[in-house]
């Protein structure tokens, strides 16, 4: 099972951590794992390229665990409100998409959100 924990501060989404393998299918055939990977990379690339903001992330090659922190989604780190809301909204959209996936893949996916200051 993959557990994705989303981080919020003051109502703003600013990061997430993905741990574990979905176990939906064998490596190379796991459509759920592929979907999570594609969405995660979309978020990283969107923040870095489209919004020209920094994003700290680590990908553990052995475990495939991922941690992403985008401080620019928070008011105390980003003065441009439009950029801040766009980045936080992008991460929130990922959260909402995973909540939809839970309806079908609840045996393979767990999604959480926590309030956590950075």
PDB file of N, CA and C in Angstrom:
ATOM      1  N   UNK A   1       0.840  -1.183   0.000  1.00  0.00           N
ATOM      2  CA  UNK A   1       0.000   0.000   0.000  1.00  0.00           C
ATOM      3  C   UNK A   1       0.882   1.242   0.000  1.00  0.00           C
ATOM      4  N   UNK A   2       0.455   2.229  -0.750  1.00  0.00           N
ATOM      5  CA  UNK A   2       1.122   3.526  -0.743  1.00  0.00           C
ATOM      6  C   UNK A   2       0.340   4.462   0.160  1.00  0.00           C
ATOM      7  N   UNK A   3       1.055   5.114   1.061  1.00  0.00           N
ATOM      8  CA  UNK A   3       0.451   6.124   1.920  1.00  0.00           C
ATOM      9  C   UNK A   3       0.970   7.486   1.483  1.00  0.00           C
ATOM     10  N   UNK A   4       0.048   8.399   1.220  1.00  0.00           N
ATOM     11  CA  UNK A   4       0.416   9.760   0.848  1.00  0.00           C
ATOM     12  C   UNK A   4      -0.115  10.683   1.939  1.00  0.00           C
ATOM     13  N   UNK A   5       0.803  11.387   2.577  1.00  0.00           N
ATOM     14  CA  UNK A   5       0.455  12.322   3.640  1.00  0.00           C
ATOM     15  C   UNK A   5       0.695  13.739   3.132  1.00  0.00           C
ATOM     16  N   UNK A   6      -0.358  14.534   3.119  1.00  0.00           N
ATOM     17  CA  UNK A   6      -0.270  15.918   2.659  1.00  0.00           C
ATOM     18  C   UNK A   6      -0.077  16.841   3.847  1.00  0.00           C
ATOM     19  N   UNK A   7       0.758  17.867   3.653  1.00  0.00           N
ATOM     20  CA  UNK A   7       1.050  18.843   4.690  1.00  0.00           C
ATOM     21  C   UNK A   7       0.326  20.148   4.392  1.00  0.00           C
ATOM     22  N   UNK A   8      -0.312  20.687   5.446  1.00  0.00           N
ATOM     23  CA  UNK A   8      -1.000  21.971   5.346  1.00  0.00           C
ATOM     24  C   UNK A   8      -0.535  22.862   6.490  1.00  0.00           C
ATOM     25  N   UNK A   9      -0.589  24.158   6.238  1.00  0.00           N
ATOM     26  CA  UNK A   9      -0.312  25.143   7.280  1.00  0.00           C
ATOM     27  C   UNK A   9      -1.243  26.323   7.049  1.00  0.00           C
ATOM     28  N   UNK A  10      -2.065  26.624   8.032  1.00  0.00           N
ATOM     29  CA  UNK A  10      -2.996  27.737   7.890  1.00  0.00           C
ATOM     30  C   UNK A  10      -3.972  27.545   6.748  1.00  0.00           C
ATOM     31  N   UNK A  11      -4.286  26.298   6.427  1.00  0.00           N
ATOM     32  CA  UNK A  11      -5.219  26.013   5.341  1.00  0.00           C
ATOM     33  C   UNK A  11      -4.571  25.884   3.971  1.00  0.00           C
ATOM     34  N   UNK A  12      -3.273  26.134   3.888  1.00  0.00           N
ATOM     35  CA  UNK A  12      -2.560  26.060   2.606  1.00  0.00           C
ATOM     36  C   UNK A  12      -1.811  24.737   2.494  1.00  0.00           C
ATOM     37  N   UNK A  13      -2.017  24.031   1.408  1.00  0.00           N
ATOM     38  CA  UNK A  13      -1.240  22.823   1.128  1.00  0.00           C
ATOM     39  C   UNK A  13       0.140  23.247   0.660  1.00  0.00           C
ATOM     40  N   UNK A  14       1.185  22.635   1.227  1.00  0.00           N
ATOM     41  CA  UNK A  14       2.536  23.020   0.826  1.00  0.00           C
ATOM     42  C   UNK A  14       3.461  21.832   0.569  1.00  0.00           C
ATOM     43  N   UNK A  15       2.965  20.612   0.728  1.00  0.00           N
ATOM     44  CA  UNK A  15       3.835  19.470   0.463  1.00  0.00           C
ATOM     45  C   UNK A  15       3.139  18.152   0.721  1.00  0.00           C
ATOM     46  N   UNK A  16       3.895  17.092   0.474  1.00  0.00           N
ATOM     47  CA  UNK A  16       3.389  15.743   0.727  1.00  0.00           C
ATOM     48  C   UNK A  16       4.539  14.765   0.791  1.00  0.00           C
ATOM     49  N   UNK A  17       4.220  13.596   1.317  1.00  0.00           N
ATOM     50  CA  UNK A  17       5.185  12.503   1.402  1.00  0.00           C
ATOM     51  C   UNK A  17       4.487  11.222   0.956  1.00  0.00           C
ATOM     52  N   UNK A  18       5.125  10.493   0.050  1.00  0.00           N
ATOM     53  CA  UNK A  18       4.593   9.222  -0.444  1.00  0.00           C
ATOM     54  C   UNK A  18       5.504   8.107   0.036  1.00  0.00           C
ATOM     55  N   UNK A  19       4.897   7.070   0.634  1.00  0.00           N
ATOM     56  CA  UNK A  19       5.688   5.954   1.138  1.00  0.00           C
ATOM     57  C   UNK A  19       5.021   4.636   0.767  1.00  0.00           C
ATOM     58  N   UNK A  20       5.846   3.666   0.407  1.00  0.00           N
ATOM     59  CA  UNK A  20       5.369   2.321   0.131  1.00  0.00           C
ATOM     60  C   UNK A  20       4.990   2.092  -1.319  1.00  0.00           C
ATOM     61  N   UNK A  21       4.833   0.838  -1.648  1.00  0.00           N
ATOM     62  CA  UNK A  21       4.430   0.429  -2.994  1.00  0.00           C
ATOM     63  C   UNK A  21       2.949   0.070  -2.980  1.00  0.00           C
ATOM     64  N   UNK A  22       2.256   0.406  -4.037  1.00  0.00           N
ATOM     65  CA  UNK A  22       0.811   0.165  -4.065  1.00  0.00           C
ATOM     66  C   UNK A  22       0.478  -1.320  -3.997  1.00  0.00           C
ATOM     67  N   UNK A  23       1.248  -2.149  -4.694  1.00  0.00           N
ATOM     68  CA  UNK A  23       0.960  -3.579  -4.710  1.00  0.00           C
ATOM     69  C   UNK A  23      -0.236  -3.940  -5.569  1.00  0.00           C
ATOM     70  N   UNK A  24      -0.666  -3.015  -6.413  1.00  0.00           N
ATOM     71  CA  UNK A  24      -1.820  -3.276  -7.273  1.00  0.00           C
ATOM     72  C   UNK A  24      -1.508  -4.316  -8.347  1.00  0.00           C
ATOM     73  N   UNK A  25      -0.284  -4.261  -8.869  1.00  0.00           N
ATOM     74  CA  UNK A  25       0.143  -5.202  -9.916  1.00  0.00           C
ATOM     75  C   UNK A  25       1.668  -5.317  -9.860  1.00  0.00           C
ATOM     76  N   UNK A  26       2.220  -6.213 -10.690  1.00  0.00           N
ATOM     77  CA  UNK A  26       3.666  -6.368 -10.774  1.00  0.00           C
ATOM     78  C   UNK A  26       4.304  -5.092 -11.308  1.00  0.00           C
ATOM     79  N   UNK A  27       5.564  -4.890 -10.944  1.00  0.00           N
ATOM     80  CA  UNK A  27       6.308  -3.731 -11.447  1.00  0.00           C
ATOM     81  C   UNK A  27       6.235  -3.695 -12.967  1.00  0.00           C
ATOM     82  N   UNK A  28       5.980  -2.529 -13.489  1.00  0.00           N
ATOM     83  CA  UNK A  28       5.852  -2.359 -14.931  1.00  0.00           C
ATOM     84  C   UNK A  28       4.418  -2.464 -15.419  1.00  0.00           C
ATOM     85  N   UNK A  29       3.558  -3.090 -14.617  1.00  0.00           N
ATOM     86  CA  UNK A  29       2.148  -3.231 -14.971  1.00  0.00           C
ATOM     87  C   UNK A  29       1.226  -2.545 -13.971  1.00  0.00           C
ATOM     88  N   UNK A  30       1.794  -1.888 -12.989  1.00  0.00           N
ATOM     89  CA  UNK A  30       1.013  -1.280 -11.917  1.00  0.00           C
ATOM     90  C   UNK A  30       0.522   0.108 -12.356  1.00  0.00           C
ATOM     91  N   UNK A  31      -0.725   0.178 -12.805  1.00  0.00           N
ATOM     92  CA  UNK A  31      -1.262   1.444 -13.314  1.00  0.00           C
ATOM     93  C   UNK A  31      -1.439   2.481 -12.208  1.00  0.00           C
ATOM     94  N   UNK A  32      -1.702   2.035 -11.001  1.00  0.00           N
ATOM     95  CA  UNK A  32      -1.850   2.984  -9.896  1.00  0.00           C
ATOM     96  C   UNK A  32      -0.509   3.623  -9.561  1.00  0.00           C
ATOM     97  N   UNK A  33       0.530   2.833  -9.499  1.00  0.00           N
ATOM     98  CA  UNK A  33       1.874   3.354  -9.250  1.00  0.00           C
ATOM     99  C   UNK A  33       2.284   4.327 -10.365  1.00  0.00           C
ATOM    100  N   UNK A  34       1.984   3.966 -11.588  1.00  0.00           N
ATOM    101  CA  UNK A  34       2.307   4.833 -12.728  1.00  0.00           C
ATOM    102  C   UNK A  34       1.567   6.162 -12.639  1.00  0.00           C
ATOM    103  N   UNK A  35       0.300   6.111 -12.235  1.00  0.00           N
ATOM    104  CA  UNK A  35      -0.488   7.338 -12.104  1.00  0.00           C
ATOM    105  C   UNK A  35       0.091   8.242 -11.021  1.00  0.00           C
ATOM    106  N   UNK A  36       0.445   7.662  -9.881  1.00  0.00           N
ATOM    107  CA  UNK A  36       1.027   8.460  -8.802  1.00  0.00           C
ATOM    108  C   UNK A  36       2.348   9.096  -9.234  1.00  0.00           C
ATOM    109  N   UNK A  37       3.179   8.319  -9.914  1.00  0.00           N
ATOM    110  CA  UNK A  37       4.469   8.839 -10.388  1.00  0.00           C
ATOM    111  C   UNK A  37       4.284   9.985 -11.366  1.00  0.00           C
ATOM    112  N   UNK A  38       3.360   9.811 -12.302  1.00  0.00           N
ATOM    113  CA  UNK A  38       3.124  10.850 -13.308  1.00  0.00           C
ATOM    114  C   UNK A  38       2.590  12.128 -12.664  1.00  0.00           C
ATOM    115  N   UNK A  39       1.652  11.989 -11.740  1.00  0.00           N
ATOM    116  CA  UNK A  39       1.097  13.177 -11.087  1.00  0.00           C
ATOM    117  C   UNK A  39       2.138  13.877 -10.227  1.00  0.00           C
ATOM    118  N   UNK A  40       2.973  13.115  -9.550  1.00  0.00           N
ATOM    119  CA  UNK A  40       4.020  13.703  -8.717  1.00  0.00           C
ATOM    120  C   UNK A  40       5.008  14.504  -9.569  1.00  0.00           C
ATOM    121  N   UNK A  41       5.430  13.933 -10.678  1.00  0.00           N
ATOM    122  CA  UNK A  41       6.375  14.644 -11.542  1.00  0.00           C
ATOM    123  C   UNK A  41       5.722  15.875 -12.180  1.00  0.00           C
ATOM    124  N   UNK A  42       4.435  15.806 -12.467  1.00  0.00           N
ATOM    125  CA  UNK A  42       3.711  16.967 -12.994  1.00  0.00           C
ATOM    126  C   UNK A  42       3.762  18.108 -11.975  1.00  0.00           C
ATOM    127  N   UNK A  43       3.566  17.787 -10.714  1.00  0.00           N
ATOM    128  CA  UNK A  43       3.606  18.815  -9.678  1.00  0.00           C
ATOM    129  C   UNK A  43       5.004  19.419  -9.558  1.00  0.00           C
ATOM    130  N   UNK A  44       6.007  18.578  -9.498  1.00  0.00           N
ATOM    131  CA  UNK A  44       7.388  19.071  -9.387  1.00  0.00           C
ATOM    132  C   UNK A  44       7.729  19.977 -10.565  1.00  0.00           C
ATOM    133  N   UNK A  45       7.470  19.511 -11.780  1.00  0.00           N
ATOM    134  CA  UNK A  45       7.798  20.299 -12.972  1.00  0.00           C
ATOM    135  C   UNK A  45       6.973  21.579 -13.064  1.00  0.00           C
ATOM    136  N   UNK A  46       5.720  21.523 -12.678  1.00  0.00           N
ATOM    137  CA  UNK A  46       4.871  22.722 -12.725  1.00  0.00           C
ATOM    138  C   UNK A  46       5.379  23.791 -11.773  1.00  0.00           C
ATOM    139  N   UNK A  47       5.725  23.384 -10.565  1.00  0.00           N
ATOM    140  CA  UNK A  47       6.219  24.358  -9.591  1.00  0.00           C
ATOM    141  C   UNK A  47       7.542  24.955 -10.056  1.00  0.00           C
ATOM    142  N   UNK A  48       8.467  24.100 -10.486  1.00  0.00           N
ATOM    143  CA  UNK A  48       9.799  24.579 -10.893  1.00  0.00           C
ATOM    144  C   UNK A  48       9.771  25.384 -12.183  1.00  0.00           C
ATOM    145  N   UNK A  49       9.053  24.892 -13.178  1.00  0.00           N
ATOM    146  CA  UNK A  49       9.108  25.522 -14.507  1.00  0.00           C
ATOM    147  C   UNK A  49       7.975  26.518 -14.725  1.00  0.00           C
ATOM    148  N   UNK A  50       6.747  26.081 -14.580  1.00  0.00           N
ATOM    149  CA  UNK A  50       5.609  26.956 -14.874  1.00  0.00           C
ATOM    150  C   UNK A  50       5.494  28.118 -13.896  1.00  0.00           C
ATOM    151  N   UNK A  51       5.757  27.862 -12.615  1.00  0.00           N
ATOM    152  CA  UNK A  51       5.618  28.909 -11.611  1.00  0.00           C
ATOM    153  C   UNK A  51       6.959  29.514 -11.198  1.00  0.00           C
ATOM    154  N   UNK A  52       8.049  29.022 -11.777  1.00  0.00           N
ATOM    155  CA  UNK A  52       9.394  29.534 -11.495  1.00  0.00           C
ATOM    156  C   UNK A  52       9.635  29.681  -9.996  1.00  0.00           C
ATOM    157  N   UNK A  53       9.299  28.636  -9.257  1.00  0.00           N
ATOM    158  CA  UNK A  53       9.482  28.636  -7.812  1.00  0.00           C
ATOM    159  C   UNK A  53      10.331  27.429  -7.424  1.00  0.00           C
ATOM    160  N   UNK A  54      10.952  27.546  -6.284  1.00  0.00           N
ATOM    161  CA  UNK A  54      11.765  26.414  -5.836  1.00  0.00           C
ATOM    162  C   UNK A  54      10.877  25.404  -5.118  1.00  0.00           C
ATOM    163  N   UNK A  55      11.257  24.164  -5.270  1.00  0.00           N
ATOM    164  CA  UNK A  55      10.573  23.073  -4.587  1.00  0.00           C
ATOM    165  C   UNK A  55      11.647  22.100  -4.118  1.00  0.00           C
ATOM    166  N   UNK A  56      11.599  21.750  -2.856  1.00  0.00           N
ATOM    167  CA  UNK A  56      12.545  20.787  -2.310  1.00  0.00           C
ATOM    168  C   UNK A  56      11.893  19.416  -2.361  1.00  0.00           C
ATOM    169  N   UNK A  57      12.584  18.475  -2.973  1.00  0.00           N
ATOM    170  CA  UNK A  57      12.032  17.128  -3.020  1.00  0.00           C
ATOM    171  C   UNK A  57      13.162  16.106  -3.001  1.00  0.00           C
ATOM    172  N   UNK A  58      12.829  14.943  -2.471  1.00  0.00           N
ATOM    173  CA  UNK A  58      13.757  13.823  -2.476  1.00  0.00           C
ATOM    174  C   UNK A  58      13.009  12.601  -2.974  1.00  0.00           C
ATOM    175  N   UNK A  59      13.702  11.805  -3.748  1.00  0.00           N
ATOM    176  CA  UNK A  59      13.164  10.545  -4.241  1.00  0.00           C
ATOM    177  C   UNK A  59      14.166   9.466  -3.866  1.00  0.00           C
ATOM    178  N   UNK A  60      13.760   8.550  -3.022  1.00  0.00           N
ATOM    179  CA  UNK A  60      14.613   7.454  -2.602  1.00  0.00           C
ATOM    180  C   UNK A  60      14.563   6.371  -3.671  1.00  0.00           C
ATOM    181  N   UNK A  61      15.670   6.166  -4.353  1.00  0.00           N
ATOM    182  CA  UNK A  61      15.726   5.212  -5.473  1.00  0.00           C
ATOM    183  C   UNK A  61      15.468   3.768  -5.027  1.00  0.00           C
ATOM    184  N   UNK A  62      15.817   3.435  -3.798  1.00  0.00           N
ATOM    185  CA  UNK A  62      15.625   2.056  -3.319  1.00  0.00           C
ATOM    186  C   UNK A  62      14.179   1.777  -2.938  1.00  0.00           C
ATOM    187  N   UNK A  63      13.546   2.727  -2.261  1.00  0.00           N
ATOM    188  CA  UNK A  63      12.190   2.495  -1.755  1.00  0.00           C
ATOM    189  C   UNK A  63      11.112   3.174  -2.597  1.00  0.00           C
ATOM    190  N   UNK A  64      11.503   4.111  -3.444  1.00  0.00           N
ATOM    191  CA  UNK A  64      10.588   4.950  -4.234  1.00  0.00           C
ATOM    192  C   UNK A  64       9.807   5.930  -3.369  1.00  0.00           C
ATOM    193  N   UNK A  65      10.196   6.105  -2.109  1.00  0.00           N
ATOM    194  CA  UNK A  65       9.550   7.091  -1.255  1.00  0.00           C
ATOM    195  C   UNK A  65       9.896   8.491  -1.757  1.00  0.00           C
ATOM    196  N   UNK A  66       8.924   9.380  -1.661  1.00  0.00           N
ATOM    197  CA  UNK A  66       9.091  10.752  -2.163  1.00  0.00           C
ATOM    198  C   UNK A  66       8.637  11.724  -1.088  1.00  0.00           C
ATOM    199  N   UNK A  67       9.391  12.799  -0.935  1.00  0.00           N
ATOM    200  CA  UNK A  67       8.977  13.889  -0.053  1.00  0.00           C
ATOM    201  C   UNK A  67       9.129  15.184  -0.833  1.00  0.00           C
ATOM    202  N   UNK A  68       8.084  16.011  -0.797  1.00  0.00           N
ATOM    203  CA  UNK A  68       8.069  17.274  -1.521  1.00  0.00           C
ATOM    204  C   UNK A  68       7.629  18.380  -0.572  1.00  0.00           C
ATOM    205  N   UNK A  69       8.389  19.464  -0.545  1.00  0.00           N
ATOM    206  CA  UNK A  69       8.052  20.650   0.244  1.00  0.00           C
ATOM    207  C   UNK A  69       8.185  21.869  -0.673  1.00  0.00           C
ATOM    208  N   UNK A  70       7.091  22.619  -0.800  1.00  0.00           N
ATOM    209  CA  UNK A  70       7.087  23.845  -1.605  1.00  0.00           C
ATOM    210  C   UNK A  70       6.744  25.011  -0.680  1.00  0.00           C
ATOM    211  N   UNK A  71       7.761  25.623  -0.106  1.00  0.00           N
ATOM    212  CA  UNK A  71       7.547  26.730   0.828  1.00  0.00           C
ATOM    213  C   UNK A  71       6.837  27.904   0.171  1.00  0.00           C
ATOM    214  N   UNK A  72       6.994  28.035  -1.134  1.00  0.00           N
ATOM    215  CA  UNK A  72       6.368  29.158  -1.843  1.00  0.00           C
ATOM    216  C   UNK A  72       4.847  29.052  -1.891  1.00  0.00           C
ATOM    217  N   UNK A  73       4.288  27.986  -1.361  1.00  0.00           N
ATOM    218  CA  UNK A  73       2.830  27.873  -1.252  1.00  0.00           C
ATOM    219  C   UNK A  73       2.313  28.560   0.009  1.00  0.00           C
ATOM    220  N   UNK A  74       3.231  29.022   0.851  1.00  0.00           N
ATOM    221  CA  UNK A  74       2.854  29.618   2.134  1.00  0.00           C
ATOM    222  C   UNK A  74       3.097  31.121   2.140  1.00  0.00           C
ATOM    223  N   UNK A  75       2.181  31.890   2.730  1.00  0.00           N
ATOM    224  CA  UNK A  75       2.302  33.356   2.741  1.00  0.00           C
ATOM    225  C   UNK A  75       3.599  33.871   3.352  1.00  0.00           C
ATOM    226  N   UNK A  76       4.137  33.196   4.375  1.00  0.00           N
ATOM    227  CA  UNK A  76       5.353  33.727   5.004  1.00  0.00           C
ATOM    228  C   UNK A  76       6.609  33.526   4.154  1.00  0.00           C
ATOM    229  N   UNK A  77       6.516  32.729   3.088  1.00  0.00           N
ATOM    230  CA  UNK A  77       7.667  32.497   2.212  1.00  0.00           C
ATOM    231  C   UNK A  77       7.489  33.079   0.811  1.00  0.00           C
ATOM    232  N   UNK A  78       6.260  33.419   0.439  1.00  0.00           N
ATOM    233  CA  UNK A  78       5.996  33.914  -0.919  1.00  0.00           C
ATOM    234  C   UNK A  78       5.146  35.173  -0.847  1.00  0.00           C
ATOM    235  N   UNK A  79       5.668  36.278  -1.385  1.00  0.00           N
ATOM    236  CA  UNK A  79       4.946  37.546  -1.363  1.00  0.00           C
ATOM    237  C   UNK A  79       3.907  37.642  -2.475  1.00  0.00           C
ATOM    238  N   UNK A  80       4.151  36.963  -3.589  1.00  0.00           N
ATOM    239  CA  UNK A  80       3.219  36.985  -4.717  1.00  0.00           C
ATOM    240  C   UNK A  80       2.046  36.047  -4.416  1.00  0.00           C
ATOM    241  N   UNK A  81       0.898  36.636  -4.075  1.00  0.00           N
ATOM    242  CA  UNK A  81      -0.262  35.825  -3.703  1.00  0.00           C
ATOM    243  C   UNK A  81      -0.725  34.903  -4.825  1.00  0.00           C
ATOM    244  N   UNK A  82      -0.643  35.368  -6.049  1.00  0.00           N
ATOM    245  CA  UNK A  82      -1.086  34.534  -7.174  1.00  0.00           C
ATOM    246  C   UNK A  82      -0.227  33.273  -7.286  1.00  0.00           C
ATOM    247  N   UNK A  83       1.076  33.446  -7.136  1.00  0.00           N
ATOM    248  CA  UNK A  83       1.979  32.295  -7.185  1.00  0.00           C
ATOM    249  C   UNK A  83       1.721  31.364  -6.006  1.00  0.00           C
ATOM    250  N   UNK A  84       1.565  31.939  -4.845  1.00  0.00           N
ATOM    251  CA  UNK A  84       1.307  31.161  -3.641  1.00  0.00           C
ATOM    252  C   UNK A  84       0.038  30.319  -3.808  1.00  0.00           C
ATOM    253  N   UNK A  85      -1.054  30.949  -4.235  1.00  0.00           N
ATOM    254  CA  UNK A  85      -2.314  30.230  -4.401  1.00  0.00           C
ATOM    255  C   UNK A  85      -2.227  29.188  -5.516  1.00  0.00           C
ATOM    256  N   UNK A  86      -1.498  29.484  -6.575  1.00  0.00           N
ATOM    257  CA  UNK A  86      -1.353  28.523  -7.673  1.00  0.00           C
ATOM    258  C   UNK A  86      -0.620  27.266  -7.199  1.00  0.00           C
ATOM    259  N   UNK A  87       0.444  27.451  -6.451  1.00  0.00           N
ATOM    260  CA  UNK A  87       1.234  26.300  -5.980  1.00  0.00           C
ATOM    261  C   UNK A  87       0.446  25.497  -4.951  1.00  0.00           C
ATOM    262  N   UNK A  88      -0.142  26.178  -3.990  1.00  0.00           N
ATOM    263  CA  UNK A  88      -0.956  25.478  -2.998  1.00  0.00           C
ATOM    264  C   UNK A  88      -2.142  24.775  -3.668  1.00  0.00           C
ATOM    265  N   UNK A  89      -2.750  25.445  -4.630  1.00  0.00           N
ATOM    266  CA  UNK A  89      -3.885  24.861  -5.350  1.00  0.00           C
ATOM    267  C   UNK A  89      -3.496  23.633  -6.145  1.00  0.00           C
ATOM    268  N   UNK A  90      -2.314  23.639  -6.711  1.00  0.00           N
ATOM    269  CA  UNK A  90      -1.824  22.479  -7.455  1.00  0.00           C
ATOM    270  C   UNK A  90      -1.667  21.271  -6.527  1.00  0.00           C
ATOM    271  N   UNK A  91      -1.097  21.497  -5.363  1.00  0.00           N
ATOM    272  CA  UNK A  91      -0.925  20.407  -4.402  1.00  0.00           C
ATOM    273  C   UNK A  91      -2.287  19.949  -3.877  1.00  0.00           C
ATOM    274  N   UNK A  92      -3.190  20.893  -3.639  1.00  0.00           N
ATOM    275  CA  UNK A  92      -4.529  20.530  -3.195  1.00  0.00           C
ATOM    276  C   UNK A  92      -5.260  19.717  -4.274  1.00  0.00           C
ATOM    277  N   UNK A  93      -5.067  20.072  -5.537  1.00  0.00           N
ATOM    278  CA  UNK A  93      -5.687  19.320  -6.631  1.00  0.00           C
ATOM    279  C   UNK A  93      -5.203  17.873  -6.634  1.00  0.00           C
ATOM    280  N   UNK A  94      -3.927  17.659  -6.349  1.00  0.00           N
ATOM    281  CA  UNK A  94      -3.388  16.298  -6.243  1.00  0.00           C
ATOM    282  C   UNK A  94      -4.082  15.559  -5.102  1.00  0.00           C
ATOM    283  N   UNK A  95      -4.230  16.228  -3.959  1.00  0.00           N
ATOM    284  CA  UNK A  95      -4.936  15.628  -2.823  1.00  0.00           C
ATOM    285  C   UNK A  95      -6.346  15.207  -3.237  1.00  0.00           C
ATOM    286  N   UNK A  96      -7.075  16.100  -3.885  1.00  0.00           N
ATOM    287  CA  UNK A  96      -8.451  15.796  -4.288  1.00  0.00           C
ATOM    288  C   UNK A  96      -8.505  14.658  -5.307  1.00  0.00           C
ATOM    289  N   UNK A  97      -7.553  14.623  -6.216  1.00  0.00           N
ATOM    290  CA  UNK A  97      -7.500  13.534  -7.197  1.00  0.00           C
ATOM    291  C   UNK A  97      -7.270  12.194  -6.508  1.00  0.00           C
ATOM    292  N   UNK A  98      -6.375  12.183  -5.526  1.00  0.00           N
ATOM    293  CA  UNK A  98      -6.124  10.937  -4.796  1.00  0.00           C
ATOM    294  C   UNK A  98      -7.334  10.522  -3.969  1.00  0.00           C
ATOM    295  N   UNK A  99      -8.068  11.486  -3.432  1.00  0.00           N
ATOM    296  CA  UNK A  99      -9.292  11.147  -2.703  1.00  0.00           C
ATOM    297  C   UNK A  99     -10.297  10.463  -3.637  1.00  0.00           C
ATOM    298  N   UNK A 100     -10.369  10.900  -4.884  1.00  0.00           N
ATOM    299  CA  UNK A 100     -11.228  10.235  -5.869  1.00  0.00           C
ATOM    300  C   UNK A 100     -10.733   8.816  -6.156  1.00  0.00           C
ATOM    301  N   UNK A 101      -9.413   8.652  -6.281  1.00  0.00           N
ATOM    302  CA  UNK A 101      -8.851   7.323  -6.539  1.00  0.00           C
ATOM    303  C   UNK A 101      -9.105   6.351  -5.393  1.00  0.00           C
ATOM    304  N   UNK A 102      -9.240   6.879  -4.189  1.00  0.00           N
ATOM    305  CA  UNK A 102      -9.492   6.029  -3.023  1.00  0.00           C
ATOM    306  C   UNK A 102     -10.776   5.209  -3.167  1.00  0.00           C
ATOM    307  N   UNK A 103     -11.755   5.754  -3.889  1.00  0.00           N
ATOM    308  CA  UNK A 103     -13.029   5.051  -4.061  1.00  0.00           C
ATOM    309  C   UNK A 103     -12.831   3.686  -4.704  1.00  0.00           C
ATOM    310  N   UNK A 104     -11.890   3.597  -5.639  1.00  0.00           N
ATOM    311  CA  UNK A 104     -11.658   2.340  -6.345  1.00  0.00           C
ATOM    312  C   UNK A 104     -10.449   1.570  -5.817  1.00  0.00           C
ATOM    313  N   UNK A 105      -9.460   2.276  -5.296  1.00  0.00           N
ATOM    314  CA  UNK A 105      -8.198   1.630  -4.928  1.00  0.00           C
ATOM    315  C   UNK A 105      -7.928   1.678  -3.426  1.00  0.00           C
ATOM    316  N   UNK A 106      -8.959   1.610  -2.608  1.00  0.00           N
ATOM    317  CA  UNK A 106      -8.803   1.746  -1.161  1.00  0.00           C
ATOM    318  C   UNK A 106      -7.926   0.665  -0.538  1.00  0.00           C
ATOM    319  N   UNK A 107      -7.781  -0.490  -1.196  1.00  0.00           N
ATOM    320  CA  UNK A 107      -6.898  -1.539  -0.667  1.00  0.00           C
ATOM    321  C   UNK A 107      -5.422  -1.278  -0.963  1.00  0.00           C
ATOM    322  N   UNK A 108      -5.141  -0.309  -1.815  1.00  0.00           N
ATOM    323  CA  UNK A 108      -3.774  -0.068  -2.286  1.00  0.00           C
ATOM    324  C   UNK A 108      -3.257   1.341  -1.993  1.00  0.00           C
ATOM    325  N   UNK A 109      -4.149   2.209  -1.503  1.00  0.00           N
ATOM    326  CA  UNK A 109      -3.812   3.616  -1.342  1.00  0.00           C
ATOM    327  C   UNK A 109      -4.424   4.148  -0.049  1.00  0.00           C
ATOM    328  N   UNK A 110      -3.638   4.934   0.679  1.00  0.00           N
ATOM    329  CA  UNK A 110      -4.122   5.614   1.867  1.00  0.00           C
ATOM    330  C   UNK A 110      -3.711   7.068   1.736  1.00  0.00           C
ATOM    331  N   UNK A 111      -4.641   7.982   1.956  1.00  0.00           N
ATOM    332  CA  UNK A 111      -4.375   9.416   1.814  1.00  0.00           C
ATOM    333  C   UNK A 111      -4.730  10.114   3.119  1.00  0.00           C
ATOM    334  N   UNK A 112      -3.806  10.922   3.579  1.00  0.00           N
ATOM    335  CA  UNK A 112      -3.980  11.655   4.837  1.00  0.00           C
ATOM    336  C   UNK A 112      -3.586  13.106   4.639  1.00  0.00           C
ATOM    337  N   UNK A 113      -4.067  13.947   5.526  1.00  0.00           N
ATOM    338  CA  UNK A 113      -3.601  15.331   5.556  1.00  0.00           C
ATOM    339  C   UNK A 113      -3.391  15.723   7.008  1.00  0.00           C
ATOM    340  N   UNK A 114      -2.313  16.464   7.231  1.00  0.00           N
ATOM    341  CA  UNK A 114      -2.005  16.910   8.585  1.00  0.00           C
ATOM    342  C   UNK A 114      -1.633  18.385   8.556  1.00  0.00           C
ATOM    343  N   UNK A 115      -1.961  19.054   9.638  1.00  0.00           N
ATOM    344  CA  UNK A 115      -1.557  20.435   9.825  1.00  0.00           C
ATOM    345  C   UNK A 115      -0.171  20.399  10.435  1.00  0.00           C
ATOM    346  N   UNK A 116       0.811  21.004   9.763  1.00  0.00           N
ATOM    347  CA  UNK A 116       2.196  20.934  10.219  1.00  0.00           C
ATOM    348  C   UNK A 116       2.925  22.203   9.815  1.00  0.00           C
ATOM    349  N   UNK A 117       3.498  22.871  10.759  1.00  0.00           N
ATOM    350  CA  UNK A 117       4.273  24.093  10.506  1.00  0.00           C
ATOM    351  C   UNK A 117       5.669  23.742  10.008  1.00  0.00           C
ATOM    352  N   UNK A 118       6.213  24.616   9.179  1.00  0.00           N
ATOM    353  CA  UNK A 118       7.612  24.446   8.770  1.00  0.00           C
ATOM    354  C   UNK A 118       8.388  25.691   9.128  1.00  0.00           C
TER     355      UNK A 118
END
